[in-house]
Protein backbone atom coordinates (compact mmCIF):
# COMPACT_ATOMS: atom_id res chain seq x y z
CA UNK A 1 46.07 -79.37 -3.43
CA UNK A 2 42.64 -77.51 -3.46
CA UNK A 3 39.81 -80.45 -4.48
CA UNK A 4 37.11 -79.06 -5.85
CA UNK A 5 37.82 -75.63 -5.33
CA UNK A 6 38.61 -76.10 -1.94
CA UNK A 7 41.71 -74.10 -0.78
CA UNK A 8 41.58 -73.94 2.92
CA UNK A 9 39.41 -72.69 5.47
CA UNK A 10 37.37 -69.95 4.95
CA UNK A 11 33.73 -69.39 3.43
CA UNK A 12 32.70 -71.32 0.46
CA UNK A 13 29.73 -71.62 -2.10
CA UNK A 14 29.08 -76.06 -2.32
CA UNK A 15 27.08 -76.40 -5.37
CA UNK A 16 26.43 -79.99 -6.67
CA UNK A 17 28.22 -81.24 -10.00
CA UNK A 18 24.60 -83.05 -10.91
CA UNK A 19 21.97 -81.00 -10.20
CA UNK A 20 23.70 -77.42 -10.36
CA UNK A 21 21.73 -76.34 -7.35
CA UNK A 22 23.94 -75.32 -3.75
CA UNK A 23 23.61 -77.12 -0.27
CA UNK A 24 21.31 -74.46 1.63
CA UNK A 25 19.91 -74.16 5.36
CA UNK A 26 16.36 -74.41 5.43
CA UNK A 27 15.53 -70.93 7.07
CA UNK A 28 12.33 -71.95 8.66
CA UNK A 29 13.51 -74.87 10.75
CA UNK A 30 17.35 -73.94 10.72
CA UNK A 31 17.79 -77.48 10.63
CA UNK A 32 16.97 -79.21 7.77
CA UNK A 33 20.09 -78.96 4.83
CA UNK A 34 18.41 -78.90 1.73
CA UNK A 35 19.72 -78.27 -1.76
CA UNK A 36 18.07 -74.83 -4.07
CA UNK A 37 18.76 -72.85 -6.37
CA UNK A 38 21.59 -69.98 -5.88
CA UNK A 39 20.23 -67.13 -4.35
CA UNK A 40 23.21 -65.69 -2.79
CA UNK A 41 21.77 -65.35 0.94
CA UNK A 42 23.83 -66.30 4.29
CA UNK A 43 22.13 -69.83 4.45
CA UNK A 44 23.71 -70.95 1.24
CA UNK A 45 26.96 -69.95 2.92
CA UNK A 46 29.26 -72.25 4.61
CA UNK A 47 32.30 -71.07 7.07
CA UNK A 48 35.03 -74.65 6.91
CA UNK A 49 37.00 -74.60 9.76
CA UNK A 50 39.75 -76.59 10.64
CA UNK A 51 39.07 -79.99 13.06
CA UNK A 52 41.22 -82.54 14.13
CA UNK A 53 44.08 -83.75 11.60
CA UNK A 54 42.20 -83.59 8.10
CA UNK A 55 39.01 -83.18 9.18
CA UNK A 56 37.16 -79.67 8.97
CA UNK A 57 34.07 -78.40 10.41
CA UNK A 58 31.37 -76.63 7.91
CA UNK A 59 29.15 -74.45 9.86
CA UNK A 60 26.48 -72.35 8.64
CA UNK A 61 26.94 -68.72 7.29
CA UNK A 62 23.35 -67.63 8.78
CA UNK A 63 23.13 -69.01 12.24
CA UNK A 64 26.77 -71.03 12.82
CA UNK A 65 25.35 -74.42 13.11
CA UNK A 66 27.29 -77.12 12.00
CA UNK A 67 26.66 -79.60 9.09
CA UNK A 68 25.86 -82.57 10.90
CA UNK A 69 26.33 -86.49 9.64
CA UNK A 70 23.97 -87.40 13.17
CA UNK A 71 23.86 -91.02 13.79
CA UNK A 72 25.97 -92.27 10.33
CA UNK A 73 23.72 -94.83 9.11
CA UNK A 74 23.53 -94.87 5.55
CA UNK A 75 20.49 -92.71 3.81
CA UNK A 76 20.25 -90.96 6.62
CA UNK A 77 19.60 -87.10 6.72
CA UNK A 78 22.29 -84.50 6.91
CA UNK A 79 21.03 -82.10 9.57
CA UNK A 80 22.93 -78.73 10.88
CA UNK A 81 22.94 -78.64 14.80
CA UNK A 82 24.54 -76.30 17.45
CA UNK A 83 28.13 -76.68 16.55
CA UNK A 84 29.84 -79.13 19.82
CA UNK A 85 32.64 -80.47 17.32
CA UNK A 86 32.02 -83.99 18.13
CA UNK A 87 32.65 -86.58 14.92
CA UNK A 88 29.62 -86.12 13.81
CA UNK A 89 30.27 -83.04 12.43
CA UNK A 90 33.40 -83.27 11.22
CA UNK A 91 34.40 -83.76 7.26
CA UNK A 92 37.05 -84.23 5.25
CA UNK A 93 37.18 -82.87 1.47
CA UNK A 94 38.43 -85.56 -1.05
CA UNK A 95 39.08 -85.09 -5.12
CA UNK A 96 36.73 -87.10 -6.80
CA UNK A 97 36.34 -86.91 -10.18
CA UNK A 98 36.62 -84.41 -13.09
CA UNK A 99 38.46 -82.30 -10.56
CA UNK A 100 35.30 -81.87 -8.08
CA UNK A 101 35.12 -82.87 -4.41
CA UNK A 102 33.11 -85.21 -2.04
CA UNK A 103 32.83 -84.32 1.34
CA UNK A 104 33.20 -87.79 3.59
CA UNK A 105 31.87 -87.61 7.32
CA UNK A 106 34.30 -89.30 10.05
CA UNK A 107 32.00 -92.22 9.69
CA UNK A 108 33.06 -92.84 6.06
CA UNK A 109 29.86 -91.81 4.50
CA UNK A 110 29.92 -88.85 1.38
CA UNK A 111 26.91 -86.10 1.16
CA UNK A 112 24.69 -87.74 -1.39
CA UNK A 113 21.37 -85.54 -3.29
CA UNK A 114 18.75 -88.93 -3.35
CA UNK A 115 18.73 -90.31 -6.61
CA UNK A 116 20.19 -87.92 -8.19
CA UNK A 117 17.38 -85.64 -8.04
CA UNK A 118 17.68 -81.95 -9.11
CA UNK A 119 14.78 -79.97 -8.08
CA UNK A 120 14.56 -77.56 -5.11
CA UNK A 121 14.01 -77.96 -2.07
CA UNK A 122 15.76 -81.64 -1.84
CA UNK A 123 16.66 -82.85 1.67
CA UNK A 124 20.38 -83.73 1.88
CA UNK A 125 21.33 -87.14 2.91
CA UNK A 126 24.82 -89.32 3.34
CA UNK A 127 25.24 -92.59 1.70
CA UNK A 128 28.07 -94.91 0.40
CA UNK A 129 30.83 -93.77 -1.80
CA UNK A 130 29.96 -94.11 -5.07
CA UNK A 131 31.65 -90.66 -7.15
CA UNK A 132 28.50 -89.96 -8.87
CA UNK A 133 27.57 -87.03 -9.79
CA UNK A 134 24.64 -86.13 -6.94
CA UNK A 135 28.11 -86.95 -4.97
CA UNK A 136 30.22 -84.64 -5.90
CA UNK A 137 30.41 -80.65 -5.34
CA UNK A 138 32.49 -77.52 -6.41
CA UNK A 139 33.15 -74.94 -3.88
CA UNK A 140 33.91 -70.98 -4.57
CA UNK A 141 34.84 -68.97 -2.22
CA UNK A 142 32.02 -66.49 -0.83
CA UNK A 143 32.34 -62.40 0.18
CA UNK A 144 30.69 -61.85 2.92
CA UNK A 145 27.01 -61.17 2.68
CA UNK A 146 25.70 -60.71 6.47
CA UNK A 147 24.40 -63.64 8.89
CA UNK A 148 26.72 -65.51 11.53
CA UNK A 149 30.58 -64.09 11.69
CA UNK A 150 32.13 -66.93 12.85
CA UNK A 151 32.36 -65.46 16.52
CA UNK A 152 28.56 -66.22 17.49
CA UNK A 153 26.37 -63.45 16.23
CA UNK A 154 24.22 -64.13 12.97
CA UNK A 155 20.86 -63.54 11.00
CA UNK A 156 18.13 -66.02 11.57
CA UNK A 157 14.61 -65.96 10.10
CA UNK A 158 11.43 -66.45 12.00
CA UNK A 159 8.62 -67.25 11.00
CA UNK A 160 4.45 -67.15 11.97
CA UNK A 161 3.34 -68.93 8.85
CA UNK A 162 0.12 -70.34 10.56
CA UNK A 163 -0.52 -66.93 12.61
CA UNK A 164 0.52 -68.15 15.66
CA UNK A 165 3.13 -67.52 18.02
CA UNK A 166 6.45 -69.32 16.98
CA UNK A 167 9.60 -69.62 19.22
CA UNK A 168 13.12 -69.63 17.07
CA UNK A 169 16.27 -70.77 19.51
CA UNK A 170 19.07 -67.83 19.74
CA UNK A 171 21.67 -66.86 21.78
CA UNK A 172 19.87 -63.70 22.36
CA UNK A 173 22.47 -61.79 24.62
CA UNK A 174 24.12 -59.36 22.56
CA UNK A 175 20.48 -58.25 21.44
CA UNK A 176 17.96 -58.67 18.71
CA UNK A 177 17.40 -56.07 15.90
CA UNK A 178 14.68 -56.76 12.67
CA UNK A 179 16.73 -56.52 9.91
CA UNK A 180 13.90 -57.48 7.37
CA UNK A 181 10.13 -57.49 7.02
CA UNK A 182 9.31 -60.71 4.71
CA UNK A 183 5.41 -60.78 5.90
CA UNK A 184 2.54 -58.49 4.88
CA UNK A 185 1.64 -58.86 8.30
CA UNK A 186 3.28 -56.23 10.88
CA UNK A 187 6.30 -57.50 12.63
CA UNK A 188 5.87 -54.32 15.25
CA UNK A 189 8.50 -55.42 18.63
CA UNK A 190 6.50 -55.80 21.04
CA UNK A 191 3.79 -56.85 19.75
CA UNK A 192 4.50 -59.59 16.88
CA UNK A 193 8.02 -59.93 18.03
CA UNK A 194 10.35 -60.17 20.46
CA UNK A 195 12.80 -61.62 22.35
CA UNK A 196 13.99 -63.06 25.59
CA UNK A 197 16.71 -65.65 27.01
CA UNK A 198 14.90 -68.50 25.28
CA UNK A 199 14.98 -66.87 21.38
CA UNK A 200 13.74 -64.98 19.16
CA UNK A 201 9.39 -65.29 19.05
CA UNK A 202 7.14 -63.93 16.16
CA UNK A 203 3.58 -63.69 16.25
CA UNK A 204 0.65 -62.86 14.24
CA UNK A 205 1.96 -64.05 10.89
CA UNK A 206 4.87 -61.41 11.18
CA UNK A 207 7.80 -63.36 9.47
CA UNK A 208 11.30 -61.80 9.37
CA UNK A 209 14.83 -61.87 9.21
CA UNK A 210 16.59 -61.11 12.60
CA UNK A 211 20.30 -59.72 13.60
CA UNK A 212 21.52 -61.50 16.33
CA UNK A 213 24.38 -59.83 18.58
CA UNK A 214 27.92 -61.11 19.53
CA UNK A 215 27.47 -61.93 22.91
CA UNK A 216 26.65 -58.93 25.45
CA UNK A 217 26.96 -55.80 25.12
CA UNK A 218 29.61 -54.08 28.07
CA UNK A 219 32.02 -51.56 27.14
CA UNK A 220 30.14 -49.77 24.82
CA UNK A 221 27.65 -52.80 23.39
CA UNK A 222 27.77 -54.56 19.65
CA UNK A 223 27.74 -51.60 17.88
CA UNK A 224 30.33 -49.33 20.15
CA UNK A 225 27.96 -46.78 21.59
CA UNK A 226 27.12 -46.77 25.00
CA UNK A 227 24.73 -48.96 26.71
CA UNK A 228 22.26 -47.83 29.37
CA UNK A 229 18.68 -48.70 30.98
CA UNK A 230 15.52 -46.70 31.12
CA UNK A 231 12.60 -47.52 32.98
CA UNK A 232 8.95 -46.35 33.14
CA UNK A 233 8.70 -48.03 36.83
CA UNK A 234 5.16 -46.12 37.66
CA UNK A 235 3.67 -46.50 34.45
CA UNK A 236 4.60 -42.73 33.60
CA UNK A 237 6.97 -41.43 31.02
CA UNK A 238 10.32 -40.87 31.94
CA UNK A 239 13.28 -39.45 30.33
CA UNK A 240 16.61 -40.73 30.51
CA UNK A 241 19.32 -38.18 29.26
CA UNK A 242 21.90 -39.50 26.51
CA UNK A 243 23.63 -38.28 23.39
CA UNK A 244 21.30 -40.03 20.52
CA UNK A 245 22.97 -38.10 17.34
CA UNK A 246 24.23 -41.83 16.41
CA UNK A 247 20.61 -43.65 16.70
CA UNK A 248 19.71 -45.81 19.18
CA UNK A 249 18.52 -49.00 19.28
CA UNK A 250 16.89 -51.12 22.13
CA UNK A 251 18.73 -53.94 23.27
CA UNK A 252 16.55 -55.99 25.84
CA UNK A 253 13.32 -55.76 26.95
CA UNK A 254 13.31 -56.22 30.76
CA UNK A 255 9.69 -55.70 31.34
CA UNK A 256 6.16 -57.55 30.87
CA UNK A 257 4.54 -54.52 29.39
CA UNK A 258 5.50 -53.95 25.93
CA UNK A 259 8.53 -51.73 24.71
CA UNK A 260 7.11 -50.40 21.62
CA UNK A 261 9.21 -47.98 19.28
CA UNK A 262 7.02 -45.19 18.88
CA UNK A 263 4.46 -46.05 21.50
CA UNK A 264 5.70 -46.97 24.47
CA UNK A 265 9.53 -45.83 23.91
CA UNK A 266 11.56 -43.12 21.64
CA UNK A 267 14.28 -41.05 21.87
CA UNK A 268 15.14 -37.00 21.02
CA UNK A 269 17.78 -34.70 21.07
CA UNK A 270 17.45 -34.79 25.09
CA UNK A 271 17.62 -38.43 25.01
CA UNK A 272 15.62 -41.68 25.57
CA UNK A 273 11.99 -41.83 26.91
CA UNK A 274 10.26 -45.05 28.07
CA UNK A 275 6.30 -44.65 29.10
CA UNK A 276 3.58 -47.50 30.23
CA UNK A 277 5.45 -49.66 31.98
CA UNK A 278 8.32 -49.95 29.27
CA UNK A 279 11.43 -51.31 31.09
CA UNK A 280 14.52 -52.27 28.60
CA UNK A 281 18.12 -51.51 27.67
CA UNK A 282 19.77 -49.33 25.05
CA UNK A 283 22.40 -49.01 22.54
CA UNK A 284 23.21 -45.40 21.52
CA UNK A 285 25.87 -44.42 19.09
CA UNK A 286 25.76 -47.73 17.48
CA UNK A 287 23.98 -46.51 14.23
CA UNK A 288 22.03 -50.01 14.57
CA UNK A 289 22.92 -53.50 13.00
CA UNK A 290 22.98 -53.12 9.05
CA UNK A 291 21.88 -55.48 6.67
CA UNK A 292 24.64 -56.79 5.06
CA UNK A 293 26.81 -55.80 7.78
CA UNK A 294 27.11 -52.53 5.93
CA UNK A 295 26.93 -49.91 8.69
CA UNK A 296 25.08 -47.45 9.63
CA UNK A 297 27.39 -44.05 7.69
CA UNK A 298 25.18 -43.20 5.02
CA UNK A 299 22.85 -39.93 4.33
CA UNK A 300 20.13 -39.34 6.50
CA UNK A 301 16.74 -38.00 5.09
CA UNK A 302 13.90 -36.72 6.41
CA UNK A 303 10.32 -38.65 5.04
CA UNK A 304 6.18 -37.07 6.44
CA UNK A 305 3.07 -37.96 6.21
CA UNK A 306 1.72 -34.69 6.68
CA UNK A 307 -1.36 -34.80 5.08
CA UNK A 308 -2.06 -38.42 7.17
CA UNK A 309 -1.51 -40.43 3.93
CA UNK A 310 1.28 -42.66 2.62
CA UNK A 311 4.01 -40.92 1.32
CA UNK A 312 7.42 -42.65 -0.30
CA UNK A 313 10.65 -40.69 0.09
CA UNK A 314 13.40 -42.58 -2.88
CA UNK A 315 16.25 -43.56 -1.33
CA UNK A 316 19.12 -46.38 -2.13
CA UNK A 317 18.18 -48.96 0.91
CA UNK A 318 20.15 -51.51 -0.02
CA UNK A 319 22.42 -50.95 3.06
CA UNK A 320 19.36 -50.64 5.56
CA UNK A 321 17.36 -48.22 7.20
CA UNK A 322 16.97 -47.33 10.78
CA UNK A 323 14.98 -44.59 11.99
CA UNK A 324 16.90 -41.98 14.16
CA UNK A 325 14.58 -39.47 15.57
CA UNK A 326 10.67 -39.43 15.24
CA UNK A 327 9.31 -35.95 14.87
CA UNK A 328 5.93 -35.95 14.88
CA UNK A 329 3.16 -36.48 17.14
CA UNK A 330 1.84 -39.37 15.59
CA UNK A 331 4.21 -42.80 16.58
CA UNK A 332 6.55 -44.13 13.88
CA UNK A 333 6.36 -47.85 14.10
CA UNK A 334 8.40 -50.03 11.55
CA UNK A 335 6.24 -52.06 10.00
CA UNK A 336 3.33 -50.11 10.69
CA UNK A 337 3.45 -46.37 10.01
CA UNK A 338 6.98 -46.42 8.36
CA UNK A 339 9.02 -48.83 6.77
CA UNK A 340 11.27 -49.17 3.49
CA UNK A 341 11.65 -51.29 0.18
CA UNK A 342 13.56 -50.91 -3.00
CA UNK A 343 12.29 -48.02 -4.24
CA UNK A 344 13.23 -46.07 -0.66
CA UNK A 345 11.47 -45.11 2.36
CA UNK A 346 7.67 -44.81 3.31
CA UNK A 347 5.86 -43.38 6.20
CA UNK A 348 2.25 -43.32 6.81
CA UNK A 349 -0.55 -42.09 9.43
CA UNK A 350 1.11 -38.70 9.84
CA UNK A 351 4.62 -40.65 10.83
CA UNK A 352 6.98 -38.09 10.32
CA UNK A 353 11.30 -38.62 10.85
CA UNK A 354 14.62 -38.65 9.96
CA UNK A 355 16.44 -42.11 8.57
CA UNK A 356 19.55 -43.02 8.86
CA UNK A 357 20.58 -44.70 5.74
CA UNK A 358 23.70 -47.57 5.57
CA UNK A 359 26.69 -47.64 3.22
CA UNK A 360 27.17 -50.39 0.87
């Protein structure tokens, strides 16, 4: 029987009966579990998967980390930790008063909003069961809104809030793409953000959301196109022939020299070029990793800063945007000389390029 709206494995929004706020994973530290006003973002969605017996794993929709009671002590904070399948990550969903549900860990304590607080940002803990409104929840199935896909990929947020370099742990073996810049400071790959085997890093005030690949890019890579390497071993410009009609994405930088689109790498109809020591692996024909997982089969538009000033080109950008061909000598660098918002695509400082819009 469904308890509080729970009707079996799937993705849910979990709302506290007392506060009306939802369970939320802090997008900065990706560990702290909070209550927060609903925003429809992946960090507020929870994938409930079968565990042993009547227990379930509750994994966050942003990064796949599991709801964890840690040591199980009374009033201990709940955390999200990398999935390990242990008892602290196993939960039972039982019925309670008013048709709501309670979430009971295998240690026997339940998720509880401390003191019945109703504000945003309150850290969640576990406590002895009393079936108060601050321990009761409703669950509503959530549609796909991007984020972790249940197979290792995901969307993470990483923020250089103090202007310094910050590392955000992630499995980057399948590549990384910036999906959305949320800072005023520019996020430029190779300068203010990048990734390696440890995870994603941001610097100098960059704050953004990043799409993490799903583990490797062999046999056509994460987006289904072809994968190839291109290297400027002697510091000069090198062309690598490729079919770039479906777009190109850098999936792994292999050099100490930065690989920055429009400066030290780019592509045109002939193929991919690299320069000034850039060595990297590229994905072709994938159309990029689009915001919301929509796919890059929307229309193509051109936008040109012919006089060197900023130009806006109206477009439906809800499905994301990817530059597919630079047409100017002036570099087109996302976050610096081109970008997009709800109004459309903008270009600046002489950037002229073609852009692919994602479909919804």
